[in-house]
Amino acid sequence: MGFGSTRITRQFLGLSPEQNRHTNALRFTDSNGVILYRQPPAFNPDTFYLEKKQLVGRGYLDQRDSLIQQPIDFTNANNLPLEEFRMMLQTVMIPESRQAEQRFRLSEDDYRFMYRYLSQYPSETPFPKYDTTEYYDSYVKFFFRDSTHRMPPHVRVFNKVGWAYGFLIDASYVVDFKNGLEFMLAAVIYVNKDGILNDNKYEYETIGWPFMYQLGQAIYQHELTRKRTRKPKLDMFKVTYEKRDANDKRPVIRHADN
């Protein structure tokens, strides 16, 4: 589909490269238990020639919290270059911008589903029921994440982020319905002053998120003043979002993996 450098070969289960060649069986059923789709276990016999080593940091903590004085080797890890990440988002949000054979096989309902869950806020989500003081609306909207924790009411950000090992990554499609503008932005920053990975000592608060916010706002302010020869059509991105039930007495979720 045109993503020649993207590689998904590793499950996050502590498996060996050989074990990662296997996938489990899966099935989808409806509410009555009728099987809608079934897939047997699979095995990938392909070999991957990875010429360039991918080493990060100067040391790391292993599973026993012991310091290993050498970089982490990510050579055989999953790989998603920033430009291909951005292009995947473009393929979802503006499929007509890609060649027909490079578009995802999604129905109109699929696109509506994607648009909702790429942009819906934790405060709008009934399940999981997030604690909105911890998971506030701009929590994973890095280009709009400031100290107020609020999003502009006329802006929606359709995005996906990465957040691990001192890396912050965001690929966003930003729509401002009030001012009739749109733009797409992708960025990554690595903040790990001591060079040790897995020690949870990263400069997210002091460098990472401030950088992402300032970058996003610089582009947004530029787009607010930039003259356009054509006004974008944004109606397709007006989504009906879910709502919290005020009578829902379930406890909120205060800790969740990113």
Protein backbone atom coordinates (compact mmCIF):
# COMPACT_ATOMS: atom_id res chain seq x y z
CA MET A 1 0.00 0.00 0.00
CA GLY A 2 3.00 2.25 -0.35
CA PHE A 3 4.36 1.97 3.19
CA GLY A 4 7.57 0.23 2.22
CA SER A 5 9.53 0.94 5.41
CA THR A 6 6.79 0.04 7.89
CA ARG A 7 7.26 -3.25 9.68
CA ILE A 8 5.02 -5.00 12.25
CA THR A 9 6.82 -8.19 13.25
CA ARG A 10 6.89 -8.08 17.04
CA GLN A 11 4.21 -8.77 19.64
CA PHE A 12 4.62 -7.13 23.05
CA LEU A 13 4.73 -10.45 24.87
CA GLY A 14 8.45 -11.02 25.41
CA LEU A 15 8.60 -13.52 22.55
CA SER A 16 11.59 -14.59 20.48
CA PRO A 17 11.83 -13.64 16.78
CA GLU A 18 10.80 -17.20 15.89
CA GLN A 19 7.78 -17.11 18.22
CA ASN A 20 6.76 -13.75 16.77
CA ARG A 21 6.27 -15.45 13.42
CA HIS A 22 3.12 -17.06 14.84
CA THR A 23 -0.26 -15.42 15.40
CA ASN A 24 -3.14 -16.82 17.42
CA ALA A 25 -6.48 -17.88 16.03
CA LEU A 26 -9.23 -15.30 16.33
CA ARG A 27 -12.93 -14.96 15.75
CA PHE A 28 -15.58 -12.25 15.88
CA THR A 29 -19.14 -12.99 16.96
CA ASP A 30 -22.33 -10.98 17.20
CA SER A 31 -24.33 -10.54 20.43
CA ASN A 32 -26.02 -13.90 19.83
CA GLY A 33 -22.74 -15.76 19.50
CA VAL A 34 -23.01 -16.20 15.73
CA ILE A 35 -19.54 -16.23 14.21
CA LEU A 36 -19.07 -13.34 11.80
CA TYR A 37 -15.42 -13.98 10.99
CA ARG A 38 -12.94 -16.69 11.86
CA GLN A 39 -9.18 -16.82 11.23
CA PRO A 40 -7.00 -19.84 12.04
CA PRO A 41 -3.49 -19.60 13.55
CA ALA A 42 -0.98 -18.28 11.04
CA PHE A 43 2.77 -18.51 10.46
CA ASN A 44 4.95 -16.05 8.56
CA PRO A 45 7.89 -17.80 6.81
CA ASP A 46 9.36 -14.58 5.38
CA THR A 47 12.85 -13.50 6.32
CA PHE A 48 13.73 -9.87 7.04
CA TYR A 49 17.14 -8.60 6.07
CA LEU A 50 17.85 -5.65 8.33
CA GLU A 51 21.13 -4.14 7.23
CA LYS A 52 21.25 -1.15 9.55
CA LYS A 53 21.43 -1.55 13.33
CA GLN A 54 18.98 0.53 15.34
CA LEU A 55 20.58 1.29 18.71
CA VAL A 56 19.13 3.81 21.19
CA GLY A 57 20.56 5.25 24.40
CA ARG A 58 23.71 4.40 26.32
CA GLY A 59 22.08 1.97 28.76
CA TYR A 60 18.77 0.60 30.00
CA LEU A 61 17.06 -1.12 32.91
CA ASP A 62 16.11 -4.73 32.22
CA GLN A 63 13.06 -6.60 33.55
CA ARG A 64 14.80 -7.01 36.93
CA ASP A 65 15.62 -3.27 37.06
CA SER A 66 19.31 -4.05 36.60
CA LEU A 67 21.28 -1.44 34.67
CA ILE A 68 22.69 -2.78 31.40
CA GLN A 69 25.53 -0.56 30.23
CA GLN A 70 24.81 -0.73 26.51
CA PRO A 71 22.20 0.70 24.12
CA ILE A 72 18.88 -1.05 23.55
CA ASP A 73 18.88 -2.85 20.21
CA PHE A 74 15.67 -2.01 18.34
CA THR A 75 16.86 -3.55 15.06
CA ASN A 76 14.23 -6.30 15.10
CA ALA A 77 11.48 -4.17 16.65
CA ASN A 78 8.44 -2.81 14.85
CA ASN A 79 9.21 0.15 12.62
CA LEU A 80 6.98 3.07 11.61
CA PRO A 81 8.76 6.03 10.00
CA LEU A 82 7.20 9.41 10.78
CA GLU A 83 6.41 10.23 7.14
CA GLU A 84 4.63 6.90 6.63
CA PHE A 85 2.78 7.41 9.91
CA ARG A 86 1.54 10.77 8.62
CA MET A 87 0.63 9.24 5.28
CA MET A 88 -1.42 6.52 6.99
CA LEU A 89 -3.42 9.20 8.75
CA GLN A 90 -3.88 11.03 5.44
CA THR A 91 -5.09 7.78 3.86
CA VAL A 92 -7.76 7.47 6.56
CA MET A 93 -8.83 11.12 6.64
CA ILE A 94 -8.54 11.99 2.93
CA PRO A 95 -8.59 8.66 1.04
CA GLU A 96 -9.16 10.37 -2.31
CA SER A 97 -5.67 11.88 -2.00
CA ARG A 98 -4.15 8.43 -2.52
CA GLN A 99 -4.18 6.10 -5.50
CA ALA A 100 -7.09 3.64 -5.40
CA GLU A 101 -4.83 0.64 -4.76
CA GLN A 102 -3.26 2.43 -1.77
CA ARG A 103 -6.52 3.16 0.06
CA PHE A 104 -7.73 1.10 2.97
CA ARG A 105 -10.70 -1.17 2.27
CA LEU A 106 -13.10 0.66 4.56
CA SER A 107 -16.83 1.25 4.24
CA GLU A 108 -18.54 4.58 4.88
CA ASP A 109 -19.52 3.30 8.34
CA ASP A 110 -15.90 2.31 8.96
CA TYR A 111 -14.74 5.83 8.18
CA ARG A 112 -17.34 7.33 10.52
CA PHE A 113 -16.17 4.94 13.24
CA MET A 114 -12.55 5.95 12.68
CA TYR A 115 -13.33 9.66 12.67
CA ARG A 116 -15.17 9.38 15.98
CA TYR A 117 -12.53 7.47 17.86
CA LEU A 118 -9.58 9.39 16.45
CA SER A 119 -11.09 12.61 17.81
CA GLN A 120 -13.39 11.77 20.74
CA TYR A 121 -12.34 13.07 24.16
CA PRO A 122 -12.08 11.02 27.37
CA SER A 123 -14.85 13.20 28.85
CA GLU A 124 -17.16 12.02 26.06
CA THR A 125 -16.29 8.36 26.35
CA PRO A 126 -18.63 6.21 28.48
CA PHE A 127 -16.57 3.04 28.16
CA PRO A 128 -13.88 3.02 29.39
CA LYS A 129 -15.02 5.55 31.97
CA TYR A 130 -11.86 7.61 32.33
CA ASP A 131 -11.12 9.92 35.24
CA THR A 132 -11.22 13.23 33.36
CA THR A 133 -9.01 14.97 35.92
CA GLU A 134 -6.24 12.53 34.95
CA TYR A 135 -7.25 11.88 31.34
CA TYR A 136 -8.36 15.36 30.33
CA ASP A 137 -9.48 16.34 26.84
CA SER A 138 -6.06 17.43 25.56
CA TYR A 139 -4.28 14.50 27.23
CA VAL A 140 -3.16 12.92 23.94
CA LYS A 141 -3.63 15.97 21.74
CA PHE A 142 0.02 17.01 22.06
CA PHE A 143 -0.20 20.01 19.71
CA PHE A 144 -2.92 21.52 21.95
CA ARG A 145 -1.78 20.19 25.33
CA ASP A 146 -1.21 23.18 27.60
CA SER A 147 -1.70 23.90 31.29
CA THR A 148 -5.44 24.55 30.89
CA HIS A 149 -6.04 20.95 29.74
CA ARG A 150 -8.91 22.25 27.59
CA MET A 151 -9.49 22.12 23.86
CA PRO A 152 -10.90 24.98 21.78
CA PRO A 153 -14.64 24.23 21.37
CA HIS A 154 -14.55 24.73 17.59
CA VAL A 155 -11.47 22.53 16.98
CA ARG A 156 -11.23 18.78 16.59
CA VAL A 157 -7.97 16.87 16.33
CA PHE A 158 -8.01 13.49 14.60
CA ASN A 159 -4.77 11.90 15.68
CA LYS A 160 -2.68 9.09 17.08
CA VAL A 161 0.31 9.47 19.38
CA GLY A 162 3.32 7.48 20.53
CA TRP A 163 4.74 7.86 24.03
CA ALA A 164 7.55 5.56 25.20
CA TYR A 165 11.31 5.35 25.87
CA GLY A 166 11.59 9.15 25.95
CA PHE A 167 9.94 9.56 22.54
CA LEU A 168 6.82 11.66 21.99
CA ILE A 169 5.19 11.27 18.57
CA ASP A 170 2.02 12.81 17.20
CA ALA A 171 0.39 12.62 13.78
CA SER A 172 -2.62 14.96 13.70
CA TYR A 173 -5.24 16.18 11.28
CA VAL A 174 -6.55 19.43 12.79
CA VAL A 175 -9.94 20.85 11.80
CA ASP A 176 -11.18 24.28 12.88
CA PHE A 177 -14.88 24.45 11.99
CA LYS A 178 -15.34 28.06 13.09
CA ASN A 179 -12.54 29.46 10.91
CA GLY A 180 -12.90 26.92 8.10
CA LEU A 181 -9.37 25.60 8.12
CA GLU A 182 -7.56 22.28 8.23
CA PHE A 183 -3.96 21.17 8.41
CA MET A 184 -1.96 18.01 8.98
CA LEU A 185 1.11 17.90 11.18
CA ALA A 186 3.41 15.11 12.36
CA ALA A 187 6.36 15.43 14.72
CA VAL A 188 8.61 13.41 16.99
CA ILE A 189 10.96 14.48 19.78
CA TYR A 190 13.33 12.39 21.93
CA VAL A 191 13.85 13.64 25.49
CA ASN A 192 16.22 11.46 27.50
CA LYS A 193 19.02 13.55 28.97
CA ASP A 194 20.73 10.74 30.91
CA GLY A 195 20.59 8.31 27.98
CA ILE A 196 19.15 5.51 30.14
CA LEU A 197 15.97 3.86 28.89
CA ASN A 198 13.25 2.23 31.04
CA ASP A 199 14.18 4.32 34.11
CA ASN A 200 11.11 6.57 33.75
CA LYS A 201 13.38 9.62 33.90
CA TYR A 202 12.43 11.51 30.77
CA GLU A 203 11.97 15.23 30.17
CA TYR A 204 8.37 14.98 28.98
CA GLU A 205 7.10 17.75 31.27
CA THR A 206 9.98 20.20 30.88
CA ILE A 207 10.89 19.77 27.20
CA GLY A 208 8.73 17.25 25.31
CA TRP A 209 5.17 18.48 25.77
CA PRO A 210 6.09 22.19 25.76
CA PHE A 211 7.90 21.67 22.45
CA MET A 212 4.96 19.82 20.91
CA TYR A 213 2.51 22.48 22.11
CA GLN A 214 4.59 25.40 20.83
CA LEU A 215 5.11 23.68 17.48
CA GLY A 216 1.42 22.92 17.11
CA GLN A 217 0.36 26.43 18.06
CA ALA A 218 2.90 28.03 15.72
CA ILE A 219 1.46 26.09 12.79
CA TYR A 220 -2.13 26.72 13.94
CA GLN A 221 -1.59 30.48 14.22
CA HIS A 222 0.03 30.49 10.78
CA GLU A 223 -2.95 28.64 9.31
CA LEU A 224 -5.36 31.13 10.91
CA THR A 225 -3.80 33.98 8.92
CA ARG A 226 -2.81 32.18 5.73
CA LYS A 227 -4.85 33.17 2.69
CA ARG A 228 -6.57 30.28 0.91
CA THR A 229 -7.68 30.14 -2.70
CA ARG A 230 -10.15 27.36 -1.88
CA LYS A 231 -12.17 26.81 1.27
CA PRO A 232 -11.93 23.23 2.56
CA LYS A 233 -15.05 21.07 2.82
CA LEU A 234 -15.22 19.97 6.44
CA ASP A 235 -18.79 18.69 6.85
CA MET A 236 -17.69 15.07 6.62
CA PHE A 237 -15.64 15.53 9.78
CA LYS A 238 -18.56 16.73 11.88
CA VAL A 239 -19.05 13.71 14.08
CA THR A 240 -21.77 12.76 16.58
CA TYR A 241 -19.87 11.87 19.73
CA GLU A 242 -20.86 9.68 22.64
CA LYS A 243 -22.01 11.15 25.95
CA ARG A 244 -21.40 10.28 29.57
CA ASP A 245 -24.44 9.09 31.48
CA ALA A 246 -24.82 11.29 34.56
CA ASN A 247 -26.38 8.33 36.38
CA ASP A 248 -23.48 5.98 35.67
CA LYS A 249 -22.15 5.02 39.11
CA ARG A 250 -19.24 2.88 37.93
CA PRO A 251 -15.86 3.91 39.38
CA VAL A 252 -13.65 5.92 37.05
CA ILE A 253 -10.40 4.58 35.59
CA ARG A 254 -7.41 6.46 36.98
CA HIS A 255 -4.58 4.35 35.60
CA ALA A 256 -4.41 3.03 32.06
CA ASP A 257 -1.58 2.00 29.74
CA ASN A 258 -0.89 4.41 26.91
